[in-house]
Amino acid sequence: MPATAATEPAVALTAVSKRYQRRGPFALDEVSLSFPRGTFTAVMGLSGSGKSTLLHCAAGLDRPTSGSVRLAGHELTTMKRKELSVLRRRKVGFVFQSLNLVPTLTVAENIALPLRLDGRPVDRADVAVLADRVGVGPLLRRLPGTLSGGQQQRVGIARALITRPDVVFADEPTAALDPYTALGVRDLLRWAADELGQTIILVTHEPVMAEAADRVIVLDRGEVFCDTPTPDAAALNDLLLRLGSR
């Protein structure tokens, strides 16, 4: 990998604004952020603060109204739809609350699906090793409908990691899980950053989830309200309460 590619942030947004109606309010307003490779960042904020819009623009799922978005060295705002689709398949992993696991495919087949969609060969040994590392190794022949919510989410994380993407975007991945299971998923994302060198961008409303991150970005009304390292769950909870009372 060229030195410039290795040192460039995995994702960088420069003066990104997004509005969904021509004269409507800005969902994002002149946001500039960079996400270094191999780091775990949590994005927080009240409902309507711009969290999901930020994720969608950063991942190339939505085009900003103005500004620049670079992902894995590519300028997303100038790419055509087909080019964006190929880039996402090869450089991005997604973990959402709605996992969209294919109910008729086994766990192993669901994990390997991104490779097949991209026309790449599937190494069953690689699938098995990754499944073991995320804690679903014994479940490879099971169907998603026979798994618990936490097990399904672990399959979703393995599916996001199988292509060795530059960035993994996780949008409220534990919202439907009990607190104990949610902590397991949080720790798995932490492991992916530490052991696999993945860049993790987690959107969450739960301070305890953000506490495991290297850094927390709090959005308010489409702007960066604060950007802090070494997050503390109690302090984050107090901050969100203050924002809600404004």
C-alpha atoms as a PDB file:
ATOM      1  CA  MET A   1       0.000   0.000   0.000  1.00  0.00           C
ATOM      2  CA  PRO A   2       1.443   3.432  -0.875  1.00  0.00           C
ATOM      3  CA  ALA A   3       2.465   5.554   2.109  1.00  0.00           C
ATOM      4  CA  THR A   4      -0.148   8.189   1.259  1.00  0.00           C
ATOM      5  CA  ALA A   5      -2.920   5.575   1.263  1.00  0.00           C
ATOM      6  CA  ALA A   6      -1.718   4.138   4.563  1.00  0.00           C
ATOM      7  CA  THR A   7      -1.642   7.520   6.308  1.00  0.00           C
ATOM      8  CA  GLU A   8      -4.803   9.012   4.804  1.00  0.00           C
ATOM      9  CA  PRO A   9      -7.857   8.756   7.099  1.00  0.00           C
ATOM     10  CA  ALA A  10     -10.220   5.899   6.347  1.00  0.00           C
ATOM     11  CA  VAL A  11     -13.017   8.479   6.032  1.00  0.00           C
ATOM     12  CA  ALA A  12     -12.809  12.266   5.837  1.00  0.00           C
ATOM     13  CA  LEU A  13     -15.673  14.757   5.582  1.00  0.00           C
ATOM     14  CA  THR A  14     -14.918  18.363   4.709  1.00  0.00           C
ATOM     15  CA  ALA A  15     -17.576  21.080   5.107  1.00  0.00           C
ATOM     16  CA  VAL A  16     -20.355  18.547   4.488  1.00  0.00           C
ATOM     17  CA  SER A  17     -23.906  19.887   4.489  1.00  0.00           C
ATOM     18  CA  LYS A  18     -27.107  17.985   3.783  1.00  0.00           C
ATOM     19  CA  ARG A  19     -30.658  19.198   3.432  1.00  0.00           C
ATOM     20  CA  TYR A  20     -33.518  17.029   2.199  1.00  0.00           C
ATOM     21  CA  GLN A  21     -35.699  19.883   0.956  1.00  0.00           C
ATOM     22  CA  ARG A  22     -34.470  22.842  -1.041  1.00  0.00           C
ATOM     23  CA  ARG A  23     -35.479  25.389   1.550  1.00  0.00           C
ATOM     24  CA  GLY A  24     -35.670  23.022   4.498  1.00  0.00           C
ATOM     25  CA  PRO A  25     -33.408  22.862   7.554  1.00  0.00           C
ATOM     26  CA  PHE A  26     -29.954  21.350   7.338  1.00  0.00           C
ATOM     27  CA  ALA A  27     -29.661  17.783   8.612  1.00  0.00           C
ATOM     28  CA  LEU A  28     -25.892  18.391   8.539  1.00  0.00           C
ATOM     29  CA  ASP A  29     -24.397  21.872   8.508  1.00  0.00           C
ATOM     30  CA  GLU A  30     -20.756  22.356   7.433  1.00  0.00           C
ATOM     31  CA  VAL A  31     -19.483  19.242   9.235  1.00  0.00           C
ATOM     32  CA  SER A  32     -15.763  18.467   8.944  1.00  0.00           C
ATOM     33  CA  LEU A  33     -14.494  15.243  10.536  1.00  0.00           C
ATOM     34  CA  SER A  34     -11.831  12.629   9.875  1.00  0.00           C
ATOM     35  CA  PHE A  35     -11.691   9.037  11.052  1.00  0.00           C
ATOM     36  CA  PRO A  36      -8.159   7.571  11.262  1.00  0.00           C
ATOM     37  CA  ARG A  37      -7.599   3.971  10.219  1.00  0.00           C
ATOM     38  CA  GLY A  38      -7.960   1.330  12.908  1.00  0.00           C
ATOM     39  CA  THR A  39      -9.914   3.524  15.322  1.00  0.00           C
ATOM     40  CA  PHE A  40     -13.292   3.058  16.994  1.00  0.00           C
ATOM     41  CA  THR A  41     -15.491   6.176  16.970  1.00  0.00           C
ATOM     42  CA  ALA A  42     -18.962   6.517  18.461  1.00  0.00           C
ATOM     43  CA  VAL A  43     -21.388   9.107  17.092  1.00  0.00           C
ATOM     44  CA  MET A  44     -24.113  10.272  19.476  1.00  0.00           C
ATOM     45  CA  GLY A  45     -26.855  12.875  19.703  1.00  0.00           C
ATOM     46  CA  LEU A  46     -30.549  13.286  20.310  1.00  0.00           C
ATOM     47  CA  SER A  47     -33.132  12.180  17.776  1.00  0.00           C
ATOM     48  CA  GLY A  48     -32.877  14.399  14.709  1.00  0.00           C
ATOM     49  CA  SER A  49     -29.340  15.543  15.498  1.00  0.00           C
ATOM     50  CA  GLY A  50     -27.951  14.208  12.207  1.00  0.00           C
ATOM     51  CA  LYS A  51     -26.372  10.935  13.330  1.00  0.00           C
ATOM     52  CA  SER A  52     -27.829   8.705  10.626  1.00  0.00           C
ATOM     53  CA  THR A  53     -27.411  11.404   7.980  1.00  0.00           C
ATOM     54  CA  LEU A  54     -23.723  11.604   8.852  1.00  0.00           C
ATOM     55  CA  LEU A  55     -23.383   7.837   8.521  1.00  0.00           C
ATOM     56  CA  HIS A  56     -25.256   7.737   5.217  1.00  0.00           C
ATOM     57  CA  CYS A  57     -23.126  10.501   3.709  1.00  0.00           C
ATOM     58  CA  ALA A  58     -19.873   9.017   5.025  1.00  0.00           C
ATOM     59  CA  ALA A  59     -20.741   5.582   3.630  1.00  0.00           C
ATOM     60  CA  GLY A  60     -21.862   6.799   0.222  1.00  0.00           C
ATOM     61  CA  LEU A  61     -25.470   5.795   0.807  1.00  0.00           C
ATOM     62  CA  ASP A  62     -26.561   9.413   0.349  1.00  0.00           C
ATOM     63  CA  ARG A  63     -24.969  12.396  -1.404  1.00  0.00           C
ATOM     64  CA  PRO A  64     -24.344  15.546   0.585  1.00  0.00           C
ATOM     65  CA  THR A  65     -25.814  18.795  -0.659  1.00  0.00           C
ATOM     66  CA  SER A  66     -22.326  20.278  -0.544  1.00  0.00           C
ATOM     67  CA  GLY A  67     -18.861  19.427   0.692  1.00  0.00           C
ATOM     68  CA  SER A  68     -16.416  16.576   0.219  1.00  0.00           C
ATOM     69  CA  VAL A  69     -16.480  12.963   1.412  1.00  0.00           C
ATOM     70  CA  ARG A  70     -13.436  10.746   0.936  1.00  0.00           C
ATOM     71  CA  LEU A  71     -13.554   7.041   1.768  1.00  0.00           C
ATOM     72  CA  ALA A  72     -10.587   4.701   1.266  1.00  0.00           C
ATOM     73  CA  GLY A  73      -8.938   7.351  -0.873  1.00  0.00           C
ATOM     74  CA  HIS A  74     -11.958   7.892  -3.156  1.00  0.00           C
ATOM     75  CA  GLU A  75     -13.988  11.098  -3.489  1.00  0.00           C
ATOM     76  CA  LEU A  76     -17.568   9.869  -3.144  1.00  0.00           C
ATOM     77  CA  THR A  77     -19.330  13.031  -4.283  1.00  0.00           C
ATOM     78  CA  THR A  78     -18.057  12.685  -7.861  1.00  0.00           C
ATOM     79  CA  MET A  79     -18.642   8.957  -8.277  1.00  0.00           C
ATOM     80  CA  LYS A  80     -21.481   7.486 -10.300  1.00  0.00           C
ATOM     81  CA  ARG A  81     -24.069   5.267  -8.630  1.00  0.00           C
ATOM     82  CA  LYS A  82     -22.617   2.035 -10.034  1.00  0.00           C
ATOM     83  CA  GLU A  83     -19.105   3.030  -8.976  1.00  0.00           C
ATOM     84  CA  LEU A  84     -20.369   3.761  -5.468  1.00  0.00           C
ATOM     85  CA  SER A  85     -22.057   0.373  -5.305  1.00  0.00           C
ATOM     86  CA  VAL A  86     -18.824  -1.428  -6.221  1.00  0.00           C
ATOM     87  CA  LEU A  87     -16.828   0.655  -3.743  1.00  0.00           C
ATOM     88  CA  ARG A  88     -19.238  -0.126  -0.923  1.00  0.00           C
ATOM     89  CA  ARG A  89     -19.095  -3.853  -1.666  1.00  0.00           C
ATOM     90  CA  ARG A  90     -15.307  -3.859  -1.510  1.00  0.00           C
ATOM     91  CA  LYS A  91     -14.394  -1.204   1.025  1.00  0.00           C
ATOM     92  CA  VAL A  92     -17.325  -0.939   3.442  1.00  0.00           C
ATOM     93  CA  GLY A  93     -19.016  -3.235   5.930  1.00  0.00           C
ATOM     94  CA  PHE A  94     -22.448  -2.469   7.379  1.00  0.00           C
ATOM     95  CA  VAL A  95     -24.031  -3.570  10.660  1.00  0.00           C
ATOM     96  CA  PHE A  96     -27.565  -2.309  11.196  1.00  0.00           C
ATOM     97  CA  GLN A  97     -30.298  -2.900  13.752  1.00  0.00           C
ATOM     98  CA  SER A  98     -32.297  -4.584  10.986  1.00  0.00           C
ATOM     99  CA  LEU A  99     -29.756  -7.201  10.024  1.00  0.00           C
ATOM    100  CA  ASN A 100     -31.430  -8.361   6.824  1.00  0.00           C
ATOM    101  CA  LEU A 101     -29.970 -11.832   7.161  1.00  0.00           C
ATOM    102  CA  VAL A 102     -31.343 -14.035   4.382  1.00  0.00           C
ATOM    103  CA  PRO A 103     -33.665 -16.468   6.184  1.00  0.00           C
ATOM    104  CA  THR A 104     -33.170 -19.309   3.687  1.00  0.00           C
ATOM    105  CA  LEU A 105     -29.368 -19.206   3.881  1.00  0.00           C
ATOM    106  CA  THR A 106     -27.308 -20.821   6.616  1.00  0.00           C
ATOM    107  CA  VAL A 107     -25.085 -18.818   8.933  1.00  0.00           C
ATOM    108  CA  ALA A 108     -22.050 -19.733   6.801  1.00  0.00           C
ATOM    109  CA  GLU A 109     -23.833 -18.686   3.616  1.00  0.00           C
ATOM    110  CA  ASN A 110     -24.980 -15.393   5.138  1.00  0.00           C
ATOM    111  CA  ILE A 111     -21.434 -14.567   6.251  1.00  0.00           C
ATOM    112  CA  ALA A 112     -20.059 -15.349   2.774  1.00  0.00           C
ATOM    113  CA  LEU A 113     -22.804 -13.457   0.921  1.00  0.00           C
ATOM    114  CA  PRO A 114     -20.837 -10.194   0.365  1.00  0.00           C
ATOM    115  CA  LEU A 115     -18.069 -12.171  -1.333  1.00  0.00           C
ATOM    116  CA  ARG A 116     -20.513 -13.944  -3.617  1.00  0.00           C
ATOM    117  CA  LEU A 117     -22.285 -10.696  -4.514  1.00  0.00           C
ATOM    118  CA  ASP A 118     -18.932  -9.252  -5.553  1.00  0.00           C
ATOM    119  CA  GLY A 119     -18.045 -12.321  -7.615  1.00  0.00           C
ATOM    120  CA  ARG A 120     -15.154 -13.248  -5.335  1.00  0.00           C
ATOM    121  CA  PRO A 121     -14.211 -16.793  -4.317  1.00  0.00           C
ATOM    122  CA  VAL A 122     -15.338 -18.015  -0.909  1.00  0.00           C
ATOM    123  CA  ASP A 123     -12.772 -19.730   1.282  1.00  0.00           C
ATOM    124  CA  ARG A 124     -14.782 -21.882   3.692  1.00  0.00           C
ATOM    125  CA  ALA A 125     -11.851 -21.995   6.074  1.00  0.00           C
ATOM    126  CA  ASP A 126     -11.796 -18.187   6.273  1.00  0.00           C
ATOM    127  CA  VAL A 127     -15.538 -18.142   6.960  1.00  0.00           C
ATOM    128  CA  ALA A 128     -15.131 -20.747   9.705  1.00  0.00           C
ATOM    129  CA  VAL A 129     -12.211 -18.915  11.352  1.00  0.00           C
ATOM    130  CA  LEU A 130     -14.079 -15.606  11.376  1.00  0.00           C
ATOM    131  CA  ALA A 131     -17.238 -17.278  12.686  1.00  0.00           C
ATOM    132  CA  ASP A 132     -15.211 -18.771  15.541  1.00  0.00           C
ATOM    133  CA  ARG A 133     -13.671 -15.408  16.353  1.00  0.00           C
ATOM    134  CA  VAL A 134     -17.049 -13.692  16.643  1.00  0.00           C
ATOM    135  CA  GLY A 135     -18.529 -16.565  18.650  1.00  0.00           C
ATOM    136  CA  VAL A 136     -20.816 -18.326  16.150  1.00  0.00           C
ATOM    137  CA  GLY A 137     -18.478 -21.099  14.991  1.00  0.00           C
ATOM    138  CA  PRO A 138     -20.749 -23.962  16.134  1.00  0.00           C
ATOM    139  CA  LEU A 139     -23.753 -22.394  14.355  1.00  0.00           C
ATOM    140  CA  LEU A 140     -22.536 -22.377  10.734  1.00  0.00           C
ATOM    141  CA  ARG A 141     -25.213 -24.816   9.492  1.00  0.00           C
ATOM    142  CA  ARG A 142     -28.086 -23.161  11.352  1.00  0.00           C
ATOM    143  CA  LEU A 143     -30.657 -20.846   9.772  1.00  0.00           C
ATOM    144  CA  PRO A 144     -31.021 -17.282  11.121  1.00  0.00           C
ATOM    145  CA  GLY A 145     -34.528 -17.924  12.418  1.00  0.00           C
ATOM    146  CA  THR A 146     -33.177 -20.464  14.922  1.00  0.00           C
ATOM    147  CA  LEU A 147     -30.731 -18.006  16.501  1.00  0.00           C
ATOM    148  CA  SER A 148     -31.098 -15.529  19.347  1.00  0.00           C
ATOM    149  CA  GLY A 149     -30.943 -11.797  18.662  1.00  0.00           C
ATOM    150  CA  GLY A 150     -27.371 -11.600  19.941  1.00  0.00           C
ATOM    151  CA  GLN A 151     -26.286 -14.534  17.804  1.00  0.00           C
ATOM    152  CA  GLN A 152     -27.881 -12.961  14.737  1.00  0.00           C
ATOM    153  CA  GLN A 153     -26.052  -9.702  15.413  1.00  0.00           C
ATOM    154  CA  ARG A 154     -22.737 -11.578  15.669  1.00  0.00           C
ATOM    155  CA  VAL A 155     -23.472 -13.179  12.294  1.00  0.00           C
ATOM    156  CA  GLY A 156     -24.158  -9.678  10.944  1.00  0.00           C
ATOM    157  CA  ILE A 157     -20.797  -8.469  12.247  1.00  0.00           C
ATOM    158  CA  ALA A 158     -18.995 -11.449  10.704  1.00  0.00           C
ATOM    159  CA  ARG A 159     -20.728 -10.709   7.391  1.00  0.00           C
ATOM    160  CA  ALA A 160     -19.533  -7.088   7.610  1.00  0.00           C
ATOM    161  CA  LEU A 161     -15.952  -8.198   8.274  1.00  0.00           C
ATOM    162  CA  ILE A 162     -15.582 -11.031   5.752  1.00  0.00           C
ATOM    163  CA  THR A 163     -14.442  -8.750   2.913  1.00  0.00           C
ATOM    164  CA  ARG A 164     -11.825  -7.094   5.160  1.00  0.00           C
ATOM    165  CA  PRO A 165     -13.333  -3.655   4.494  1.00  0.00           C
ATOM    166  CA  ASP A 166     -11.597  -0.353   5.151  1.00  0.00           C
ATOM    167  CA  VAL A 167     -14.501   0.856   7.296  1.00  0.00           C
ATOM    168  CA  VAL A 168     -17.336  -0.783   9.221  1.00  0.00           C
ATOM    169  CA  PHE A 169     -20.399   1.398   9.833  1.00  0.00           C
ATOM    170  CA  ALA A 170     -22.687   0.250  12.647  1.00  0.00           C
ATOM    171  CA  ASP A 171     -26.041   2.049  13.005  1.00  0.00           C
ATOM    172  CA  GLU A 172     -27.726   1.366  16.368  1.00  0.00           C
ATOM    173  CA  PRO A 173     -26.731  -2.341  16.201  1.00  0.00           C
ATOM    174  CA  THR A 174     -27.785  -3.110  19.789  1.00  0.00           C
ATOM    175  CA  ALA A 175     -31.042  -1.150  20.017  1.00  0.00           C
ATOM    176  CA  ALA A 176     -33.145  -4.333  20.060  1.00  0.00           C
ATOM    177  CA  LEU A 177     -30.860  -6.305  22.384  1.00  0.00           C
ATOM    178  CA  ASP A 178     -30.860  -6.717  26.161  1.00  0.00           C
ATOM    179  CA  PRO A 179     -28.078  -4.844  28.014  1.00  0.00           C
ATOM    180  CA  TYR A 180     -25.901  -7.905  28.634  1.00  0.00           C
ATOM    181  CA  THR A 181     -26.026  -9.035  25.004  1.00  0.00           C
ATOM    182  CA  ALA A 182     -25.452  -5.462  23.837  1.00  0.00           C
ATOM    183  CA  LEU A 183     -22.200  -5.285  25.813  1.00  0.00           C
ATOM    184  CA  GLY A 184     -21.019  -8.446  24.063  1.00  0.00           C
ATOM    185  CA  VAL A 185     -21.641  -6.851  20.670  1.00  0.00           C
ATOM    186  CA  ARG A 186     -19.895  -3.660  21.798  1.00  0.00           C
ATOM    187  CA  ASP A 187     -16.842  -5.625  22.890  1.00  0.00           C
ATOM    188  CA  LEU A 188     -16.820  -7.460  19.567  1.00  0.00           C
ATOM    189  CA  LEU A 189     -16.634  -4.146  17.704  1.00  0.00           C
ATOM    190  CA  ARG A 190     -13.802  -3.088  20.023  1.00  0.00           C
ATOM    191  CA  TRP A 191     -12.006  -6.344  19.193  1.00  0.00           C
ATOM    192  CA  ALA A 192     -12.421  -5.747  15.458  1.00  0.00           C
ATOM    193  CA  ALA A 193     -10.659  -2.391  15.814  1.00  0.00           C
ATOM    194  CA  ASP A 194      -7.904  -3.675  18.099  1.00  0.00           C
ATOM    195  CA  GLU A 195      -7.164  -7.073  16.577  1.00  0.00           C
ATOM    196  CA  LEU A 196      -8.193  -6.694  12.936  1.00  0.00           C
ATOM    197  CA  GLY A 197      -7.270  -3.036  12.512  1.00  0.00           C
ATOM    198  CA  GLN A 198     -10.773  -2.160  11.318  1.00  0.00           C
ATOM    199  CA  THR A 199     -12.049   1.395  11.356  1.00  0.00           C
ATOM    200  CA  ILE A 200     -15.333   1.298  13.270  1.00  0.00           C
ATOM    201  CA  ILE A 201     -17.906   4.114  13.162  1.00  0.00           C
ATOM    202  CA  LEU A 202     -20.760   3.369  15.552  1.00  0.00           C
ATOM    203  CA  VAL A 203     -23.965   5.402  15.704  1.00  0.00           C
ATOM    204  CA  THR A 204     -25.625   4.891  19.071  1.00  0.00           C
ATOM    205  CA  HIS A 205     -27.843   6.623  21.640  1.00  0.00           C
ATOM    206  CA  GLU A 206     -26.496   4.481  24.503  1.00  0.00           C
ATOM    207  CA  PRO A 207     -23.611   6.009  26.537  1.00  0.00           C
ATOM    208  CA  VAL A 208     -22.445   2.595  27.741  1.00  0.00           C
ATOM    209  CA  MET A 209     -21.943   1.541  24.111  1.00  0.00           C
ATOM    210  CA  ALA A 210     -19.934   4.674  23.356  1.00  0.00           C
ATOM    211  CA  GLU A 211     -17.751   4.180  26.424  1.00  0.00           C
ATOM    212  CA  ALA A 212     -15.712   1.498  24.638  1.00  0.00           C
ATOM    213  CA  ALA A 213     -14.794   3.828  21.771  1.00  0.00           C
ATOM    214  CA  ASP A 214     -11.538   5.739  21.332  1.00  0.00           C
ATOM    215  CA  ARG A 215     -13.520   8.893  20.736  1.00  0.00           C
ATOM    216  CA  VAL A 216     -17.087  10.186  20.855  1.00  0.00           C
ATOM    217  CA  ILE A 217     -18.569  12.775  18.509  1.00  0.00           C
ATOM    218  CA  VAL A 218     -21.802  14.357  19.738  1.00  0.00           C
ATOM    219  CA  LEU A 219     -24.012  16.035  17.149  1.00  0.00           C
ATOM    220  CA  ASP A 220     -26.647  18.666  17.856  1.00  0.00           C
ATOM    221  CA  ARG A 221     -28.951  20.095  15.179  1.00  0.00           C
ATOM    222  CA  GLY A 222     -26.658  18.979  12.387  1.00  0.00           C
ATOM    223  CA  GLU A 223     -23.451  20.386  13.862  1.00  0.00           C
ATOM    224  CA  VAL A 224     -20.589  18.893  15.869  1.00  0.00           C
ATOM    225  CA  PHE A 225     -21.353  19.845  19.471  1.00  0.00           C
ATOM    226  CA  CYS A 226     -18.296  18.135  20.927  1.00  0.00           C
ATOM    227  CA  ASP A 227     -15.562  15.710  19.897  1.00  0.00           C
ATOM    228  CA  THR A 228     -13.945  14.051  22.880  1.00  0.00           C
ATOM    229  CA  PRO A 229     -11.504  11.186  23.578  1.00  0.00           C
ATOM    230  CA  THR A 230     -11.698   8.720  26.481  1.00  0.00           C
ATOM    231  CA  PRO A 231     -15.481   8.858  26.851  1.00  0.00           C
ATOM    232  CA  ASP A 232     -17.224   8.236  30.161  1.00  0.00           C
ATOM    233  CA  ALA A 233     -20.765   6.854  30.166  1.00  0.00           C
ATOM    234  CA  ALA A 234     -21.971   8.980  33.094  1.00  0.00           C
ATOM    235  CA  ALA A 235     -20.579  12.183  31.588  1.00  0.00           C
ATOM    236  CA  LEU A 236     -22.084  11.353  28.202  1.00  0.00           C
ATOM    237  CA  ASN A 237     -25.470  10.706  29.791  1.00  0.00           C
ATOM    238  CA  ASP A 238     -25.334  14.070  31.592  1.00  0.00           C
ATOM    239  CA  LEU A 239     -24.359  15.790  28.330  1.00  0.00           C
ATOM    240  CA  LEU A 240     -27.302  14.288  26.449  1.00  0.00           C
ATOM    241  CA  LEU A 241     -29.677  15.281  29.269  1.00  0.00           C
ATOM    242  CA  ARG A 242     -28.430  18.869  29.049  1.00  0.00           C
ATOM    243  CA  LEU A 243     -28.911  18.886  25.288  1.00  0.00           C
ATOM    244  CA  GLY A 244     -32.447  17.567  25.721  1.00  0.00           C
ATOM    245  CA  SER A 245     -33.336  20.343  28.172  1.00  0.00           C
ATOM    246  CA  ARG A 246     -32.184  23.183  25.926  1.00  0.00           C
END
